[in-house]
Amino acid sequence: RWVKVAPEGGGAALLLAKAADDQAASVGRQAGGRVAWFLEA
């Protein structure tokens, strides 16, 4: 599926991509444990 979500306030969207078998271990660790995303309020 082509699934996009975004904050109400605008900015870049996230394209939600279902991990293939070889990508499953990267779910939740896309930045190696560092903060990867910054949500400004």
Full PDB file with SEQRES, HELIX, SHEET, SSBOND, CRYST1, ORIGX, SCALE, CONECT and MASTER records, all heavy atoms in Angstrom:
SEQRES   1 A   41  ARG TRP VAL LYS VAL ALA PRO GLU GLY GLY GLY ALA ALA          
SEQRES   2 A   41  LEU LEU LEU ALA LYS ALA ALA ASP ASP GLN ALA ALA SER          
SEQRES   3 A   41  VAL GLY ARG GLN ALA GLY GLY ARG VAL ALA TRP PHE LEU          
SEQRES   4 A   41  GLU ALA                                                      
HELIX    1 AA1 ASP A   21  SER A   26  5                                   6    
SHEET    1 AA1 2 VAL A   3  VAL A   5  0                                        
SHEET    2 AA1 2 LEU A  14  LEU A  16 -1                                        
CRYST1    1.000    1.000    1.000  90.00  90.00  90.00 P 1           1          
ORIGX1      1.000000  0.000000  0.000000        0.00000                         
ORIGX2      0.000000  1.000000  0.000000        0.00000                         
ORIGX3      0.000000  0.000000  1.000000        0.00000                         
SCALE1      1.000000  0.000000  0.000000        0.00000                         
SCALE2      0.000000  1.000000  0.000000        0.00000                         
SCALE3      0.000000  0.000000  1.000000        0.00000                         
ATOM      1  N   ARG A   1       0.846  -1.188   0.000  1.00  0.00           N  
ATOM      2  CA  ARG A   1       0.000   0.000   0.000  1.00  0.00           C  
ATOM      3  C   ARG A   1       0.881   1.238   0.000  1.00  0.00           C  
ATOM      4  O   ARG A   1       2.017   1.197   0.467  1.00  0.00           O  
ATOM      5  CB  ARG A   1      -0.904   0.008   1.251  1.00  0.00           C  
ATOM      6  CG  ARG A   1      -1.979  -1.048   1.198  1.00  0.00           C  
ATOM      7  CD  ARG A   1      -2.529  -1.452   2.540  1.00  0.00           C  
ATOM      8  NE  ARG A   1      -3.121  -0.406   3.346  1.00  0.00           N  
ATOM      9  CZ  ARG A   1      -3.615  -0.636   4.573  1.00  0.00           C  
ATOM     10  NH1 ARG A   1      -3.597  -1.851   5.106  1.00  0.00           N  
ATOM     11  NH2 ARG A   1      -4.126   0.345   5.273  1.00  0.00           N  
ATOM     12  N   TRP A   2       0.363   2.307  -0.522  1.00  0.00           N  
ATOM     13  CA  TRP A   2       1.012   3.629  -0.474  1.00  0.00           C  
ATOM     14  C   TRP A   2       0.272   4.396   0.604  1.00  0.00           C  
ATOM     15  O   TRP A   2      -0.847   4.854   0.405  1.00  0.00           O  
ATOM     16  CB  TRP A   2       0.891   4.304  -1.829  1.00  0.00           C  
ATOM     17  CG  TRP A   2       1.599   5.621  -1.926  1.00  0.00           C  
ATOM     18  CD1 TRP A   2       1.038   6.856  -1.779  1.00  0.00           C  
ATOM     19  CD2 TRP A   2       2.978   5.844  -2.209  1.00  0.00           C  
ATOM     20  NE1 TRP A   2       1.981   7.836  -1.940  1.00  0.00           N  
ATOM     21  CE2 TRP A   2       3.183   7.241  -2.214  1.00  0.00           C  
ATOM     22  CE3 TRP A   2       4.061   5.003  -2.442  1.00  0.00           C  
ATOM     23  CZ2 TRP A   2       4.422   7.818  -2.448  1.00  0.00           C  
ATOM     24  CZ3 TRP A   2       5.293   5.580  -2.679  1.00  0.00           C  
ATOM     25  CH2 TRP A   2       5.478   6.962  -2.683  1.00  0.00           C  
ATOM     26  N   VAL A   3       0.903   4.489   1.798  1.00  0.00           N  
ATOM     27  CA  VAL A   3       0.247   5.090   2.957  1.00  0.00           C  
ATOM     28  C   VAL A   3       1.086   6.268   3.434  1.00  0.00           C  
ATOM     29  O   VAL A   3       2.265   6.111   3.754  1.00  0.00           O  
ATOM     30  CB  VAL A   3       0.081   4.064   4.105  1.00  0.00           C  
ATOM     31  CG1 VAL A   3      -0.565   4.712   5.316  1.00  0.00           C  
ATOM     32  CG2 VAL A   3      -0.710   2.852   3.637  1.00  0.00           C  
ATOM     33  N   LYS A   4       0.450   7.440   3.478  1.00  0.00           N  
ATOM     34  CA  LYS A   4       1.126   8.646   3.952  1.00  0.00           C  
ATOM     35  C   LYS A   4       0.345   9.260   5.101  1.00  0.00           C  
ATOM     36  O   LYS A   4      -0.875   9.393   5.035  1.00  0.00           O  
ATOM     37  CB  LYS A   4       1.271   9.668   2.826  1.00  0.00           C  
ATOM     38  CG  LYS A   4       2.305   9.268   1.791  1.00  0.00           C  
ATOM     39  CD  LYS A   4       2.344  10.165   0.574  1.00  0.00           C  
ATOM     40  CE  LYS A   4       2.440  11.615   0.828  1.00  0.00           C  
ATOM     41  NZ  LYS A   4       2.488  12.435  -0.387  1.00  0.00           N  
ATOM     42  N   VAL A   5       1.065   9.627   6.161  1.00  0.00           N  
ATOM     43  CA  VAL A   5       0.512  10.342   7.301  1.00  0.00           C  
ATOM     44  C   VAL A   5       1.369  11.576   7.540  1.00  0.00           C  
ATOM     45  O   VAL A   5       2.545  11.605   7.179  1.00  0.00           O  
ATOM     46  CB  VAL A   5       0.452   9.466   8.583  1.00  0.00           C  
ATOM     47  CG1 VAL A   5      -0.468   8.271   8.394  1.00  0.00           C  
ATOM     48  CG2 VAL A   5       1.848   9.006   9.006  1.00  0.00           C  
ATOM     49  N   ALA A   6       0.760  12.602   8.170  1.00  0.00           N  
ATOM     50  CA  ALA A   6       1.502  13.830   8.447  1.00  0.00           C  
ATOM     51  C   ALA A   6       0.891  14.543   9.634  1.00  0.00           C  
ATOM     52  O   ALA A   6      -0.302  14.406   9.907  1.00  0.00           O  
ATOM     53  CB  ALA A   6       1.482  14.749   7.225  1.00  0.00           C  
ATOM     54  N   PRO A   7       1.700  15.333  10.339  1.00  0.00           N  
ATOM     55  CA  PRO A   7       1.167  16.129  11.438  1.00  0.00           C  
ATOM     56  C   PRO A   7       0.162  17.153  10.922  1.00  0.00           C  
ATOM     57  O   PRO A   7       0.261  17.620   9.780  1.00  0.00           O  
ATOM     58  CB  PRO A   7       2.401  16.844  12.002  1.00  0.00           C  
ATOM     59  CG  PRO A   7       3.578  16.190  11.405  1.00  0.00           C  
ATOM     60  CD  PRO A   7       3.133  15.521  10.148  1.00  0.00           C  
ATOM     61  N   GLU A   8      -0.785  17.509  11.770  1.00  0.00           N  
ATOM     62  CA  GLU A   8      -1.795  18.516  11.420  1.00  0.00           C  
ATOM     63  C   GLU A   8      -1.154  19.840  11.015  1.00  0.00           C  
ATOM     64  O   GLU A   8      -1.674  20.545  10.169  1.00  0.00           O  
ATOM     65  CB  GLU A   8      -2.758  18.742  12.589  1.00  0.00           C  
ATOM     66  CG  GLU A   8      -3.752  17.629  12.783  1.00  0.00           C  
ATOM     67  CD  GLU A   8      -4.812  17.549  11.701  1.00  0.00           C  
ATOM     68  OE1 GLU A   8      -5.086  18.549  11.008  1.00  0.00           O  
ATOM     69  OE2 GLU A   8      -5.380  16.461  11.550  1.00  0.00           O  
ATOM     70  N   GLY A   9      -0.035  20.173  11.633  1.00  0.00           N  
ATOM     71  CA  GLY A   9       0.608  21.461  11.384  1.00  0.00           C  
ATOM     72  C   GLY A   9       1.399  21.547  10.095  1.00  0.00           C  
ATOM     73  O   GLY A   9       1.954  22.577   9.773  1.00  0.00           O  
ATOM     74  N   GLY A  10       1.474  20.451   9.345  1.00  0.00           N  
ATOM     75  CA  GLY A  10       2.206  20.466   8.083  1.00  0.00           C  
ATOM     76  C   GLY A  10       3.606  19.905   8.224  1.00  0.00           C  
ATOM     77  O   GLY A  10       3.961  19.293   9.220  1.00  0.00           O  
ATOM     78  N   GLY A  11       4.406  20.118   7.208  1.00  0.00           N  
ATOM     79  CA  GLY A  11       5.748  19.565   7.148  1.00  0.00           C  
ATOM     80  C   GLY A  11       5.766  18.296   6.319  1.00  0.00           C  
ATOM     81  O   GLY A  11       4.784  17.939   5.669  1.00  0.00           O  
ATOM     82  N   ALA A  12       6.879  17.623   6.322  1.00  0.00           N  
ATOM     83  CA  ALA A  12       7.031  16.400   5.541  1.00  0.00           C  
ATOM     84  C   ALA A  12       6.118  15.299   6.067  1.00  0.00           C  
ATOM     85  O   ALA A  12       5.854  15.203   7.260  1.00  0.00           O  
ATOM     86  CB  ALA A  12       8.478  15.929   5.574  1.00  0.00           C  
ATOM     87  N   ALA A  13       5.639  14.478   5.148  1.00  0.00           N  
ATOM     88  CA  ALA A  13       4.812  13.326   5.508  1.00  0.00           C  
ATOM     89  C   ALA A  13       5.704  12.119   5.768  1.00  0.00           C  
ATOM     90  O   ALA A  13       6.857  12.078   5.337  1.00  0.00           O  
ATOM     91  CB  ALA A  13       3.847  13.008   4.363  1.00  0.00           C  
ATOM     92  N   LEU A  14       5.160  11.155   6.484  1.00  0.00           N  
ATOM     93  CA  LEU A  14       5.807   9.857   6.616  1.00  0.00           C  
ATOM     94  C   LEU A  14       5.137   8.906   5.643  1.00  0.00           C  
ATOM     95  O   LEU A  14       3.908   8.806   5.610  1.00  0.00           O  
ATOM     96  CB  LEU A  14       5.664   9.307   8.037  1.00  0.00           C  
ATOM     97  CG  LEU A  14       6.384  10.055   9.142  1.00  0.00           C  
ATOM     98  CD1 LEU A  14       6.121   9.369  10.487  1.00  0.00           C  
ATOM     99  CD2 LEU A  14       7.883  10.133   8.872  1.00  0.00           C  
ATOM    100  N   LEU A  15       5.940   8.221   4.856  1.00  0.00           N  
ATOM    101  CA  LEU A  15       5.447   7.168   3.987  1.00  0.00           C  
ATOM    102  C   LEU A  15       5.606   5.869   4.761  1.00  0.00           C  
ATOM    103  O   LEU A  15       6.728   5.424   5.015  1.00  0.00           O  
ATOM    104  CB  LEU A  15       6.243   7.114   2.689  1.00  0.00           C  
ATOM    105  CG  LEU A  15       5.879   5.977   1.744  1.00  0.00           C  
ATOM    106  CD1 LEU A  15       4.451   6.143   1.224  1.00  0.00           C  
ATOM    107  CD2 LEU A  15       6.867   5.897   0.602  1.00  0.00           C  
ATOM    108  N   LEU A  16       4.496   5.308   5.211  1.00  0.00           N  
ATOM    109  CA  LEU A  16       4.542   4.078   5.994  1.00  0.00           C  
ATOM    110  C   LEU A  16       4.790   2.913   5.049  1.00  0.00           C  
ATOM    111  O   LEU A  16       3.974   2.637   4.169  1.00  0.00           O  
ATOM    112  CB  LEU A  16       3.234   3.886   6.770  1.00  0.00           C  
ATOM    113  CG  LEU A  16       2.826   5.045   7.678  1.00  0.00           C  
ATOM    114  CD1 LEU A  16       1.547   4.700   8.432  1.00  0.00           C  
ATOM    115  CD2 LEU A  16       3.943   5.427   8.635  1.00  0.00           C  
ATOM    116  N   ALA A  17       5.915   2.254   5.217  1.00  0.00           N  
ATOM    117  CA  ALA A  17       6.327   1.168   4.335  1.00  0.00           C  
ATOM    118  C   ALA A  17       6.413  -0.125   5.130  1.00  0.00           C  
ATOM    119  O   ALA A  17       7.193  -0.212   6.086  1.00  0.00           O  
ATOM    120  CB  ALA A  17       7.671   1.484   3.701  1.00  0.00           C  
ATOM    121  N   LYS A  18       5.607  -1.108   4.739  1.00  0.00           N  
ATOM    122  CA  LYS A  18       5.644  -2.395   5.432  1.00  0.00           C  
ATOM    123  C   LYS A  18       6.967  -3.080   5.129  1.00  0.00           C  
ATOM    124  O   LYS A  18       7.341  -3.275   3.975  1.00  0.00           O  
ATOM    125  CB  LYS A  18       4.475  -3.276   4.991  1.00  0.00           C  
ATOM    126  CG  LYS A  18       4.383  -4.551   5.788  1.00  0.00           C  
ATOM    127  CD  LYS A  18       3.129  -5.320   5.440  1.00  0.00           C  
ATOM    128  CE  LYS A  18       3.081  -6.616   6.228  1.00  0.00           C  
ATOM    129  NZ  LYS A  18       1.896  -7.407   5.876  1.00  0.00           N  
ATOM    130  N   ALA A  19       7.673  -3.431   6.199  1.00  0.00           N  
ATOM    131  CA  ALA A  19       9.000  -4.033   6.056  1.00  0.00           C  
ATOM    132  C   ALA A  19       8.903  -5.404   5.387  1.00  0.00           C  
ATOM    133  O   ALA A  19       8.066  -6.227   5.753  1.00  0.00           O  
ATOM    134  CB  ALA A  19       9.660  -4.174   7.424  1.00  0.00           C  
ATOM    135  N   ALA A  20       9.756  -5.623   4.405  1.00  0.00           N  
ATOM    136  CA  ALA A  20       9.901  -6.944   3.803  1.00  0.00           C  
ATOM    137  C   ALA A  20      10.678  -7.814   4.793  1.00  0.00           C  
ATOM    138  O   ALA A  20      11.236  -7.314   5.780  1.00  0.00           O  
ATOM    139  CB  ALA A  20      10.648  -6.826   2.480  1.00  0.00           C  
ATOM    140  N   ASP A  21      10.694  -9.109   4.554  1.00  0.00           N  
ATOM    141  CA  ASP A  21      11.342 -10.048   5.481  1.00  0.00           C  
ATOM    142  C   ASP A  21      12.749  -9.619   5.886  1.00  0.00           C  
ATOM    143  O   ASP A  21      13.094  -9.647   7.061  1.00  0.00           O  
ATOM    144  CB  ASP A  21      11.383 -11.457   4.876  1.00  0.00           C  
ATOM    145  CG  ASP A  21      10.004 -12.074   4.752  1.00  0.00           C  
ATOM    146  OD1 ASP A  21       9.090 -11.652   5.486  1.00  0.00           O  
ATOM    147  OD2 ASP A  21       9.846 -12.975   3.912  1.00  0.00           O  
ATOM    148  N   ASP A  22      13.566  -9.209   4.931  1.00  0.00           N  
ATOM    149  CA  ASP A  22      14.949  -8.835   5.238  1.00  0.00           C  
ATOM    150  C   ASP A  22      15.062  -7.472   5.909  1.00  0.00           C  
ATOM    151  O   ASP A  22      16.125  -7.087   6.367  1.00  0.00           O  
ATOM    152  CB  ASP A  22      15.814  -8.901   3.981  1.00  0.00           C  
ATOM    153  CG  ASP A  22      15.345  -7.974   2.878  1.00  0.00           C  
ATOM    154  OD1 ASP A  22      14.139  -7.656   2.825  1.00  0.00           O  
ATOM    155  OD2 ASP A  22      16.186  -7.567   2.051  1.00  0.00           O  
ATOM    156  N   GLN A  23      13.961  -6.724   5.981  1.00  0.00           N  
ATOM    157  CA  GLN A  23      13.959  -5.406   6.621  1.00  0.00           C  
ATOM    158  C   GLN A  23      13.346  -5.429   8.009  1.00  0.00           C  
ATOM    159  O   GLN A  23      13.437  -4.452   8.740  1.00  0.00           O  
ATOM    160  CB  GLN A  23      13.159  -4.417   5.755  1.00  0.00           C  
ATOM    161  CG  GLN A  23      13.718  -4.239   4.372  1.00  0.00           C  
ATOM    162  CD  GLN A  23      12.732  -3.552   3.447  1.00  0.00           C  
ATOM    163  OE1 GLN A  23      11.531  -3.536   3.691  1.00  0.00           O  
ATOM    164  NE2 GLN A  23      13.239  -3.001   2.354  1.00  0.00           N  
ATOM    165  N   ALA A  24      12.729  -6.531   8.395  1.00  0.00           N  
ATOM    166  CA  ALA A  24      11.961  -6.599   9.648  1.00  0.00           C  
ATOM    167  C   ALA A  24      12.794  -6.223  10.865  1.00  0.00           C  
ATOM    168  O   ALA A  24      12.288  -5.580  11.786  1.00  0.00           O  
ATOM    169  CB  ALA A  24      11.356  -7.987   9.814  1.00  0.00           C  
ATOM    170  N   ALA A  25      14.058  -6.597  10.893  1.00  0.00           N  
ATOM    171  CA  ALA A  25      14.913  -6.292  12.046  1.00  0.00           C  
ATOM    172  C   ALA A  25      15.181  -4.798  12.188  1.00  0.00           C  
ATOM    173  O   ALA A  25      15.573  -4.338  13.259  1.00  0.00           O  
ATOM    174  CB  ALA A  25      16.234  -7.049  11.937  1.00  0.00           C  
ATOM    175  N   SER A  26      14.949  -4.036  11.140  1.00  0.00           N  
ATOM    176  CA  SER A  26      15.191  -2.588  11.185  1.00  0.00           C  
ATOM    177  C   SER A  26      14.004  -1.789  11.704  1.00  0.00           C  
ATOM    178  O   SER A  26      14.142  -0.603  12.007  1.00  0.00           O  
ATOM    179  CB  SER A  26      15.562  -2.081   9.792  1.00  0.00           C  
ATOM    180  OG  SER A  26      16.776  -2.661   9.362  1.00  0.00           O  
ATOM    181  N   VAL A  27      12.843  -2.419  11.815  1.00  0.00           N  
ATOM    182  CA  VAL A  27      11.663  -1.710  12.314  1.00  0.00           C  
ATOM    183  C   VAL A  27      11.937  -1.266  13.747  1.00  0.00           C  
ATOM    184  O   VAL A  27      12.333  -2.051  14.600  1.00  0.00           O  
ATOM    185  CB  VAL A  27      10.397  -2.598  12.244  1.00  0.00           C  
ATOM    186  CG1 VAL A  27       9.222  -1.915  12.929  1.00  0.00           C  
ATOM    187  CG2 VAL A  27      10.059  -2.941  10.805  1.00  0.00           C  
ATOM    188  N   GLY A  28      11.777   0.017  14.011  1.00  0.00           N  
ATOM    189  CA  GLY A  28      12.039   0.581  15.333  1.00  0.00           C  
ATOM    190  C   GLY A  28      13.503   0.895  15.587  1.00  0.00           C  
ATOM    191  O   GLY A  28      13.848   1.491  16.604  1.00  0.00           O  
ATOM    192  N   ARG A  29      14.371   0.512  14.674  1.00  0.00           N  
ATOM    193  CA  ARG A  29      15.803   0.760  14.846  1.00  0.00           C  
ATOM    194  C   ARG A  29      16.389   1.442  13.613  1.00  0.00           C  
ATOM    195  O   ARG A  29      17.563   1.270  13.291  1.00  0.00           O  
ATOM    196  CB  ARG A  29      16.541  -0.546  15.119  1.00  0.00           C  
ATOM    197  CG  ARG A  29      16.100  -1.201  16.412  1.00  0.00           C  
ATOM    198  CD  ARG A  29      17.134  -2.087  17.069  1.00  0.00           C  
ATOM    199  NE  ARG A  29      18.509  -1.672  16.976  1.00  0.00           N  
ATOM    200  CZ  ARG A  29      19.116  -0.788  17.787  1.00  0.00           C  
ATOM    201  NH1 ARG A  29      18.452  -0.186  18.730  1.00  0.00           N  
ATOM    202  NH2 ARG A  29      20.391  -0.510  17.635  1.00  0.00           N  
ATOM    203  N   GLN A  30      15.563   2.191  12.933  1.00  0.00           N  
ATOM    204  CA  GLN A  30      16.007   2.817  11.691  1.00  0.00           C  
ATOM    205  C   GLN A  30      17.144   3.809  11.900  1.00  0.00           C  
ATOM    206  O   GLN A  30      17.889   4.095  10.970  1.00  0.00           O  
ATOM    207  CB  GLN A  30      14.817   3.510  11.013  1.00  0.00           C  
ATOM    208  CG  GLN A  30      13.778   2.489  10.572  1.00  0.00           C  
ATOM    209  CD  GLN A  30      12.564   3.141   9.974  1.00  0.00           C  
ATOM    210  OE1 GLN A  30      12.580   3.514   8.810  1.00  0.00           O  
ATOM    211  NE2 GLN A  30      11.508   3.288  10.769  1.00  0.00           N  
ATOM    212  N   ALA A  31      17.288   4.311  13.113  1.00  0.00           N  
ATOM    213  CA  ALA A  31      18.369   5.265  13.411  1.00  0.00           C  
ATOM    214  C   ALA A  31      19.371   4.669  14.392  1.00  0.00           C  
ATOM    215  O   ALA A  31      20.122   5.407  15.026  1.00  0.00           O  
ATOM    216  CB  ALA A  31      17.798   6.559  13.943  1.00  0.00           C  
ATOM    217  N   GLY A  32      19.366   3.354  14.558  1.00  0.00           N  
ATOM    218  CA  GLY A  32      20.345   2.711  15.422  1.00  0.00           C  
ATOM    219  C   GLY A  32      20.206   3.073  16.886  1.00  0.00           C  
ATOM    220  O   GLY A  32      21.192   3.069  17.618  1.00  0.00           O  
ATOM    221  N   GLY A  33      19.000   3.388  17.341  1.00  0.00           N  
ATOM    222  CA  GLY A  33      18.775   3.723  18.741  1.00  0.00           C  
ATOM    223  C   GLY A  33      18.832   5.204  19.063  1.00  0.00           C  
ATOM    224  O   GLY A  33      18.545   5.608  20.184  1.00  0.00           O  
ATOM    225  N   ARG A  34      19.210   6.017  18.102  1.00  0.00           N  
ATOM    226  CA  ARG A  34      19.240   7.474  18.300  1.00  0.00           C  
ATOM    227  C   ARG A  34      17.870   8.067  18.033  1.00  0.00           C  
ATOM    228  O   ARG A  34      17.036   7.456  17.372  1.00  0.00           O  
ATOM    229  CB  ARG A  34      20.237   8.115  17.330  1.00  0.00           C  
ATOM    230  CG  ARG A  34      21.678   7.750  17.605  1.00  0.00           C  
ATOM    231  CD  ARG A  34      22.571   8.507  16.656  1.00  0.00           C  
ATOM    232  NE  ARG A  34      22.405   9.942  16.870  1.00  0.00           N  
ATOM    233  CZ  ARG A  34      23.365  10.759  17.242  1.00  0.00           C  
ATOM    234  NH1 ARG A  34      24.562  10.304  17.445  1.00  0.00           N  
ATOM    235  NH2 ARG A  34      23.137  12.038  17.412  1.00  0.00           N  
ATOM    236  N   VAL A  35      17.665   9.283  18.499  1.00  0.00           N  
ATOM    237  CA  VAL A  35      16.462  10.015  18.118  1.00  0.00           C  
ATOM    238  C   VAL A  35      16.570  10.285  16.620  1.00  0.00           C  
ATOM    239  O   VAL A  35      17.581  10.786  16.137  1.00  0.00           O  
ATOM    240  CB  VAL A  35      16.341  11.345  18.896  1.00  0.00           C  
ATOM    241  CG1 VAL A  35      15.242  12.211  18.317  1.00  0.00           C  
ATOM    242  CG2 VAL A  35      16.082  11.074  20.376  1.00  0.00           C  
ATOM    243  N   ALA A  36      15.507   9.924  15.905  1.00  0.00           N  
ATOM    244  CA  ALA A  36      15.527  10.076  14.454  1.00  0.00           C  
ATOM    245  C   ALA A  36      14.552  11.125  13.958  1.00  0.00           C  
ATOM    246  O   ALA A  36      14.736  11.689  12.890  1.00  0.00           O  
ATOM    247  CB  ALA A  36      15.203   8.741  13.790  1.00  0.00           C  
ATOM    248  N   TRP A  37      13.487  11.386  14.724  1.00  0.00           N  
ATOM    249  CA  TRP A  37      12.424  12.267  14.278  1.00  0.00           C  
ATOM    250  C   TRP A  37      12.189  13.344  15.322  1.00  0.00           C  
ATOM    251  O   TRP A  37      12.284  13.092  16.518  1.00  0.00           O  
ATOM    252  CB  TRP A  37      11.144  11.477  14.014  1.00  0.00           C  
ATOM    253  CG  TRP A  37      11.364  10.451  12.949  1.00  0.00           C  
ATOM    254  CD1 TRP A  37      11.322  10.651  11.600  1.00  0.00           C  
ATOM    255  CD2 TRP A  37      11.708   9.087  13.136  1.00  0.00           C  
ATOM    256  NE1 TRP A  37      11.614   9.485  10.949  1.00  0.00           N  
ATOM    257  CE2 TRP A  37      11.862   8.498  11.866  1.00  0.00           C  
ATOM    258  CE3 TRP A  37      11.905   8.282  14.259  1.00  0.00           C  
ATOM    259  CZ2 TRP A  37      12.190   7.172  11.684  1.00  0.00           C  
ATOM    260  CZ3 TRP A  37      12.250   6.959  14.080  1.00  0.00           C  
ATOM    261  CH2 TRP A  37      12.383   6.427  12.801  1.00  0.00           C  
ATOM    262  N   PHE A  38      11.846  14.526  14.846  1.00  0.00           N  
ATOM    263  CA  PHE A  38      11.685  15.684  15.707  1.00  0.00           C  
ATOM    264  C   PHE A  38      10.324  16.291  15.429  1.00  0.00           C  
ATOM    265  O   PHE A  38      10.075  16.783  14.328  1.00  0.00           O  
ATOM    266  CB  PHE A  38      12.808  16.688  15.451  1.00  0.00           C  
ATOM    267  CG  PHE A  38      14.167  16.091  15.700  1.00  0.00           C  
ATOM    268  CD1 PHE A  38      14.796  15.324  14.726  1.00  0.00           C  
ATOM    269  CD2 PHE A  38      14.789  16.257  16.914  1.00  0.00           C  
ATOM    270  CE1 PHE A  38      16.031  14.747  14.963  1.00  0.00           C  
ATOM    271  CE2 PHE A  38      16.033  15.683  17.168  1.00  0.00           C  
ATOM    272  CZ  PHE A  38      16.649  14.928  16.184  1.00  0.00           C  
ATOM    273  N   LEU A  39       9.463  16.221  16.414  1.00  0.00           N  
ATOM    274  CA  LEU A  39       8.097  16.710  16.287  1.00  0.00           C  
ATOM    275  C   LEU A  39       7.997  18.005  17.072  1.00  0.00           C  
ATOM    276  O   LEU A  39       8.112  18.019  18.293  1.00  0.00           O  
ATOM    277  CB  LEU A  39       7.129  15.657  16.841  1.00  0.00           C  
ATOM    278  CG  LEU A  39       5.665  15.817  16.525  1.00  0.00           C  
ATOM    279  CD1 LEU A  39       5.420  15.867  15.019  1.00  0.00           C  
ATOM    280  CD2 LEU A  39       4.887  14.659  17.130  1.00  0.00           C  
ATOM    281  N   GLU A  40       7.816  19.118  16.361  1.00  0.00           N  
ATOM    282  CA  GLU A  40       7.805  20.432  16.986  1.00  0.00           C  
ATOM    283  C   GLU A  40       6.373  20.834  17.334  1.00  0.00           C  
ATOM    284  O   GLU A  40       5.463  20.684  16.520  1.00  0.00           O  
ATOM    285  CB  GLU A  40       8.430  21.452  16.038  1.00  0.00           C  
ATOM    286  CG  GLU A  40       8.722  22.775  16.686  1.00  0.00           C  
ATOM    287  CD  GLU A  40       9.523  23.679  15.774  1.00  0.00           C  
ATOM    288  OE1 GLU A  40       9.123  23.868  14.614  1.00  0.00           O  
ATOM    289  OE2 GLU A  40      10.554  24.194  16.225  1.00  0.00           O  
ATOM    290  N   ALA A  41       6.194  21.325  18.544  1.00  0.00           N  
ATOM    291  CA  ALA A  41       4.874  21.750  19.031  1.00  0.00           C  
ATOM    292  C   ALA A  41       4.889  23.244  19.310  1.00  0.00           C  
ATOM    293  O   ALA A  41       5.835  23.761  19.912  1.00  0.00           O  
ATOM    294  CB  ALA A  41       4.523  21.001  20.310  1.00  0.00           C  
TER     295      ALA A  41                                                      
MASTER        0    0    0    1    2    0    0    6  294    1    0    4          
END                                                                             
